[in-house]
């Protein structure tokens, strides 16, 4: 399984707009993409302008399919202007705990 962890710092005052747009993408990804197993959105407790995304895909092909969806493409022009900086970490999932 392919995993993506993204740490995003949004521009001052842009957290709510970013969260609104990214939550739509996350919900549609999990609901409509069989290869998207997890798409979690978190906000830092100490710095609300830092947003974390944690995504798990069945494989690299499932992630590539994700980037071709309408909800992904529609979210890009909404979120990209709000981003001050972003770090992306890719990994292979070794073990996954059962869902709740």
N, C-alpha and C. Protein backbone atom coordinates (compact mmCIF):
# COMPACT_ATOMS: atom_id res chain seq x y z
N UNK A 1 0.84 -1.18 0.00
CA UNK A 1 0.00 0.00 0.00
C UNK A 1 0.88 1.24 0.00
N UNK A 2 0.40 2.25 -0.68
CA UNK A 2 1.11 3.53 -0.82
C UNK A 2 0.51 4.53 0.15
N UNK A 3 1.38 5.23 0.88
CA UNK A 3 0.92 6.20 1.86
C UNK A 3 1.55 7.57 1.58
N UNK A 4 0.75 8.58 1.87
CA UNK A 4 1.19 9.95 1.65
C UNK A 4 0.85 10.74 2.91
N UNK A 5 1.84 11.42 3.45
CA UNK A 5 1.64 12.30 4.60
C UNK A 5 2.06 13.69 4.16
N UNK A 6 1.14 14.63 4.24
CA UNK A 6 1.41 15.98 3.76
C UNK A 6 1.21 16.98 4.89
N UNK A 7 2.22 17.78 5.13
CA UNK A 7 2.13 18.87 6.10
C UNK A 7 2.05 20.17 5.31
N UNK A 8 0.95 20.89 5.50
CA UNK A 8 0.72 22.12 4.76
C UNK A 8 0.59 23.29 5.71
N UNK A 9 1.35 24.33 5.45
CA UNK A 9 1.15 25.60 6.16
C UNK A 9 0.40 26.51 5.19
N UNK A 10 -0.78 26.95 5.62
CA UNK A 10 -1.55 27.85 4.77
C UNK A 10 -1.18 29.29 5.08
N UNK A 11 -1.51 30.16 4.17
CA UNK A 11 -1.27 31.59 4.37
C UNK A 11 -2.13 32.08 5.53
N UNK A 12 -1.69 33.12 6.23
CA UNK A 12 -2.47 33.63 7.37
C UNK A 12 -3.93 33.91 6.99
N UNK A 13 -4.81 33.43 7.83
CA UNK A 13 -6.24 33.64 7.64
C UNK A 13 -6.90 32.72 6.63
N UNK A 14 -6.17 31.74 6.11
CA UNK A 14 -6.71 30.87 5.04
C UNK A 14 -7.08 29.46 5.49
N UNK A 15 -6.93 29.16 6.77
CA UNK A 15 -7.16 27.79 7.23
C UNK A 15 -8.57 27.31 6.94
N UNK A 16 -9.57 28.10 7.25
CA UNK A 16 -10.96 27.64 7.06
C UNK A 16 -11.27 27.39 5.59
N UNK A 17 -10.83 28.26 4.71
CA UNK A 17 -11.07 28.07 3.28
C UNK A 17 -10.37 26.81 2.78
N UNK A 18 -9.14 26.59 3.24
CA UNK A 18 -8.40 25.39 2.84
C UNK A 18 -9.12 24.15 3.35
N UNK A 19 -9.51 24.15 4.62
CA UNK A 19 -10.19 22.99 5.19
C UNK A 19 -11.51 22.71 4.49
N UNK A 20 -12.25 23.73 4.16
CA UNK A 20 -13.53 23.54 3.46
C UNK A 20 -13.31 22.81 2.14
N UNK A 21 -12.34 23.25 1.38
CA UNK A 21 -12.07 22.64 0.07
C UNK A 21 -11.48 21.24 0.19
N UNK A 22 -10.54 21.05 1.10
CA UNK A 22 -9.86 19.76 1.18
C UNK A 22 -10.77 18.69 1.77
N UNK A 23 -11.70 19.07 2.65
CA UNK A 23 -12.64 18.09 3.21
C UNK A 23 -13.56 17.54 2.13
N UNK A 24 -13.93 18.34 1.16
CA UNK A 24 -14.75 17.86 0.04
C UNK A 24 -13.96 16.83 -0.76
N UNK A 25 -12.71 17.13 -1.06
CA UNK A 25 -11.85 16.20 -1.79
C UNK A 25 -11.65 14.90 -1.00
N UNK A 26 -11.39 15.02 0.28
CA UNK A 26 -11.15 13.83 1.11
C UNK A 26 -12.39 12.93 1.16
N UNK A 27 -13.56 13.52 1.39
CA UNK A 27 -14.79 12.73 1.49
C UNK A 27 -15.10 12.04 0.17
N UNK A 28 -14.95 12.76 -0.93
CA UNK A 28 -15.22 12.17 -2.24
C UNK A 28 -14.22 11.06 -2.57
N UNK A 29 -12.98 11.23 -2.16
CA UNK A 29 -11.95 10.23 -2.42
C UNK A 29 -12.29 8.91 -1.75
N UNK A 30 -12.63 8.96 -0.48
CA UNK A 30 -12.94 7.74 0.26
C UNK A 30 -14.26 7.12 -0.23
N UNK A 31 -15.24 7.96 -0.53
CA UNK A 31 -16.55 7.47 -0.95
C UNK A 31 -16.55 6.90 -2.37
N UNK A 32 -15.76 7.48 -3.27
CA UNK A 32 -15.89 7.15 -4.69
C UNK A 32 -14.70 6.43 -5.31
N UNK A 33 -13.62 6.29 -4.57
CA UNK A 33 -12.43 5.65 -5.12
C UNK A 33 -12.16 4.36 -4.36
N UNK A 34 -12.39 3.21 -4.96
CA UNK A 34 -12.14 1.95 -4.25
C UNK A 34 -10.69 1.80 -3.79
N UNK A 35 -9.76 2.43 -4.51
CA UNK A 35 -8.35 2.33 -4.16
C UNK A 35 -7.89 3.29 -3.09
N UNK A 36 -8.76 4.24 -2.68
CA UNK A 36 -8.43 5.18 -1.61
C UNK A 36 -8.96 4.61 -0.30
N UNK A 37 -8.07 4.15 0.55
CA UNK A 37 -8.46 3.48 1.78
C UNK A 37 -8.61 4.44 2.95
N UNK A 38 -7.81 5.50 2.95
CA UNK A 38 -7.82 6.49 4.05
C UNK A 38 -7.51 7.85 3.46
N UNK A 39 -8.24 8.85 3.91
CA UNK A 39 -7.89 10.24 3.58
C UNK A 39 -8.33 11.07 4.77
N UNK A 40 -7.42 11.23 5.71
CA UNK A 40 -7.70 11.96 6.95
C UNK A 40 -7.16 13.38 6.86
N UNK A 41 -7.90 14.31 7.44
CA UNK A 41 -7.51 15.71 7.48
C UNK A 41 -7.44 16.12 8.95
N UNK A 42 -6.31 16.67 9.37
CA UNK A 42 -6.13 17.11 10.76
C UNK A 42 -5.58 18.52 10.78
N UNK A 43 -5.88 19.22 11.87
CA UNK A 43 -5.39 20.58 12.06
C UNK A 43 -4.54 20.61 13.32
N UNK A 44 -3.39 21.22 13.23
CA UNK A 44 -2.48 21.30 14.37
C UNK A 44 -3.15 22.01 15.54
N UNK A 45 -2.98 21.49 16.73
CA UNK A 45 -3.60 22.08 17.92
C UNK A 45 -2.98 23.40 18.33
N UNK A 46 -1.68 23.54 18.11
CA UNK A 46 -1.00 24.76 18.54
C UNK A 46 -0.94 25.82 17.45
N UNK A 47 -0.95 25.38 16.21
CA UNK A 47 -0.86 26.32 15.09
C UNK A 47 -1.93 25.96 14.06
N UNK A 48 -3.08 26.61 14.11
CA UNK A 48 -4.19 26.24 13.23
C UNK A 48 -3.94 26.49 11.75
N UNK A 49 -2.83 27.12 11.42
CA UNK A 49 -2.50 27.31 10.02
C UNK A 49 -1.67 26.16 9.46
N UNK A 50 -1.50 25.11 10.26
CA UNK A 50 -0.82 23.90 9.81
C UNK A 50 -1.86 22.79 9.72
N UNK A 51 -1.97 22.23 8.52
CA UNK A 51 -2.94 21.18 8.24
C UNK A 51 -2.16 19.93 7.81
N UNK A 52 -2.58 18.78 8.33
CA UNK A 52 -1.96 17.51 7.98
C UNK A 52 -2.95 16.65 7.19
N UNK A 53 -2.47 16.05 6.12
CA UNK A 53 -3.25 15.09 5.36
C UNK A 53 -2.56 13.75 5.44
N UNK A 54 -3.34 12.70 5.71
CA UNK A 54 -2.80 11.34 5.73
C UNK A 54 -3.66 10.51 4.79
N UNK A 55 -3.03 9.98 3.76
CA UNK A 55 -3.75 9.24 2.73
C UNK A 55 -3.12 7.87 2.54
N UNK A 56 -3.96 6.86 2.38
CA UNK A 56 -3.47 5.51 2.05
C UNK A 56 -4.23 5.04 0.82
N UNK A 57 -3.47 4.55 -0.14
CA UNK A 57 -4.02 4.01 -1.38
C UNK A 57 -3.60 2.55 -1.52
N UNK A 58 -4.43 1.80 -2.20
CA UNK A 58 -4.15 0.37 -2.39
C UNK A 58 -2.78 0.16 -3.01
N UNK A 59 -2.41 1.04 -3.93
CA UNK A 59 -1.10 0.95 -4.59
C UNK A 59 -0.84 2.27 -5.32
N UNK A 60 0.30 2.35 -5.97
CA UNK A 60 0.66 3.58 -6.68
C UNK A 60 -0.35 3.91 -7.78
N UNK A 61 -0.87 2.89 -8.44
CA UNK A 61 -1.85 3.11 -9.52
C UNK A 61 -3.13 3.73 -8.97
N UNK A 62 -3.53 3.33 -7.77
CA UNK A 62 -4.73 3.92 -7.16
C UNK A 62 -4.51 5.39 -6.85
N UNK A 63 -3.30 5.74 -6.42
CA UNK A 63 -3.01 7.15 -6.18
C UNK A 63 -3.02 7.93 -7.49
N UNK A 64 -2.43 7.36 -8.51
CA UNK A 64 -2.41 8.02 -9.82
C UNK A 64 -3.84 8.22 -10.32
N UNK A 65 -4.71 7.24 -10.13
CA UNK A 65 -6.12 7.37 -10.51
C UNK A 65 -6.78 8.50 -9.72
N UNK A 66 -6.41 8.63 -8.43
CA UNK A 66 -6.95 9.70 -7.59
C UNK A 66 -6.65 11.07 -8.20
N UNK A 67 -5.44 11.24 -8.71
CA UNK A 67 -5.05 12.55 -9.25
C UNK A 67 -5.78 12.89 -10.55
N UNK A 68 -6.49 11.93 -11.13
CA UNK A 68 -7.23 12.16 -12.36
C UNK A 68 -8.72 12.39 -12.12
N UNK A 69 -9.17 12.30 -10.87
CA UNK A 69 -10.60 12.45 -10.58
C UNK A 69 -11.03 13.91 -10.65
N UNK A 70 -12.31 14.11 -10.88
CA UNK A 70 -12.86 15.47 -10.94
C UNK A 70 -12.72 16.17 -9.60
N UNK A 71 -12.97 15.45 -8.49
CA UNK A 71 -12.89 16.11 -7.18
C UNK A 71 -11.47 16.55 -6.86
N UNK A 72 -10.48 15.78 -7.27
CA UNK A 72 -9.08 16.21 -7.08
C UNK A 72 -8.79 17.44 -7.94
N UNK A 73 -9.11 17.35 -9.22
CA UNK A 73 -8.84 18.46 -10.15
C UNK A 73 -9.59 19.72 -9.74
N UNK A 74 -10.84 19.56 -9.27
CA UNK A 74 -11.62 20.72 -8.84
C UNK A 74 -11.05 21.38 -7.59
N UNK A 75 -10.42 20.59 -6.73
CA UNK A 75 -9.89 21.14 -5.48
C UNK A 75 -8.59 21.93 -5.68
N UNK A 76 -7.83 21.59 -6.69
CA UNK A 76 -6.51 22.21 -6.87
C UNK A 76 -6.57 23.74 -6.99
N UNK A 77 -7.42 24.31 -7.85
CA UNK A 77 -7.42 25.78 -7.93
C UNK A 77 -7.97 26.45 -6.67
N UNK A 78 -8.68 25.70 -5.84
CA UNK A 78 -9.19 26.26 -4.58
C UNK A 78 -8.12 26.28 -3.50
N UNK A 79 -7.31 25.20 -3.42
CA UNK A 79 -6.35 25.10 -2.32
C UNK A 79 -4.96 25.66 -2.65
N UNK A 80 -4.53 25.53 -3.88
CA UNK A 80 -3.16 25.95 -4.21
C UNK A 80 -2.85 27.40 -3.87
N UNK A 81 -3.76 28.36 -4.12
CA UNK A 81 -3.43 29.75 -3.78
C UNK A 81 -3.36 30.01 -2.27
N UNK A 82 -3.86 29.08 -1.48
CA UNK A 82 -3.89 29.26 -0.02
C UNK A 82 -2.64 28.72 0.66
N UNK A 83 -1.82 27.98 -0.05
CA UNK A 83 -0.68 27.28 0.53
C UNK A 83 0.55 28.19 0.61
N UNK A 84 1.11 28.31 1.81
CA UNK A 84 2.36 29.04 2.01
C UNK A 84 3.55 28.12 1.79
N UNK A 85 3.48 26.91 2.34
CA UNK A 85 4.53 25.91 2.14
C UNK A 85 3.94 24.53 2.40
N UNK A 86 4.60 23.53 1.81
CA UNK A 86 4.07 22.17 1.93
C UNK A 86 5.21 21.18 1.86
N UNK A 87 5.16 20.19 2.76
CA UNK A 87 6.12 19.08 2.76
C UNK A 87 5.33 17.80 2.55
N UNK A 88 5.84 16.95 1.68
CA UNK A 88 5.17 15.70 1.34
C UNK A 88 6.10 14.53 1.61
N UNK A 89 5.59 13.54 2.31
CA UNK A 89 6.36 12.35 2.65
C UNK A 89 5.64 11.13 2.10
N UNK A 90 6.33 10.34 1.30
CA UNK A 90 5.76 9.13 0.73
C UNK A 90 6.32 7.93 1.47
N UNK A 91 5.48 6.89 1.62
CA UNK A 91 5.95 5.69 2.28
C UNK A 91 5.13 4.49 1.83
N UNK A 92 5.62 3.32 2.19
CA UNK A 92 4.88 2.08 2.00
C UNK A 92 4.30 1.68 3.34
N UNK A 93 3.03 1.34 3.37
CA UNK A 93 2.39 0.92 4.61
C UNK A 93 2.84 -0.50 4.92
N UNK A 94 3.37 -0.69 6.10
CA UNK A 94 3.86 -1.99 6.53
C UNK A 94 2.79 -2.75 7.30
N UNK A 95 2.08 -2.06 8.16
CA UNK A 95 1.02 -2.68 8.95
C UNK A 95 -0.09 -1.65 9.15
N UNK A 96 -1.31 -2.12 9.08
CA UNK A 96 -2.47 -1.24 9.25
C UNK A 96 -3.34 -1.80 10.35
N UNK A 97 -3.74 -0.93 11.28
CA UNK A 97 -4.64 -1.37 12.33
C UNK A 97 -6.05 -1.45 11.78
N UNK A 98 -6.87 -2.34 12.33
CA UNK A 98 -8.25 -2.45 11.85
C UNK A 98 -8.99 -1.13 12.01
N UNK A 99 -9.90 -0.87 11.08
CA UNK A 99 -10.71 0.34 11.15
C UNK A 99 -11.62 0.33 12.37
N UNK A 100 -12.16 1.48 12.68
CA UNK A 100 -13.05 1.56 13.84
C UNK A 100 -14.43 1.91 13.41
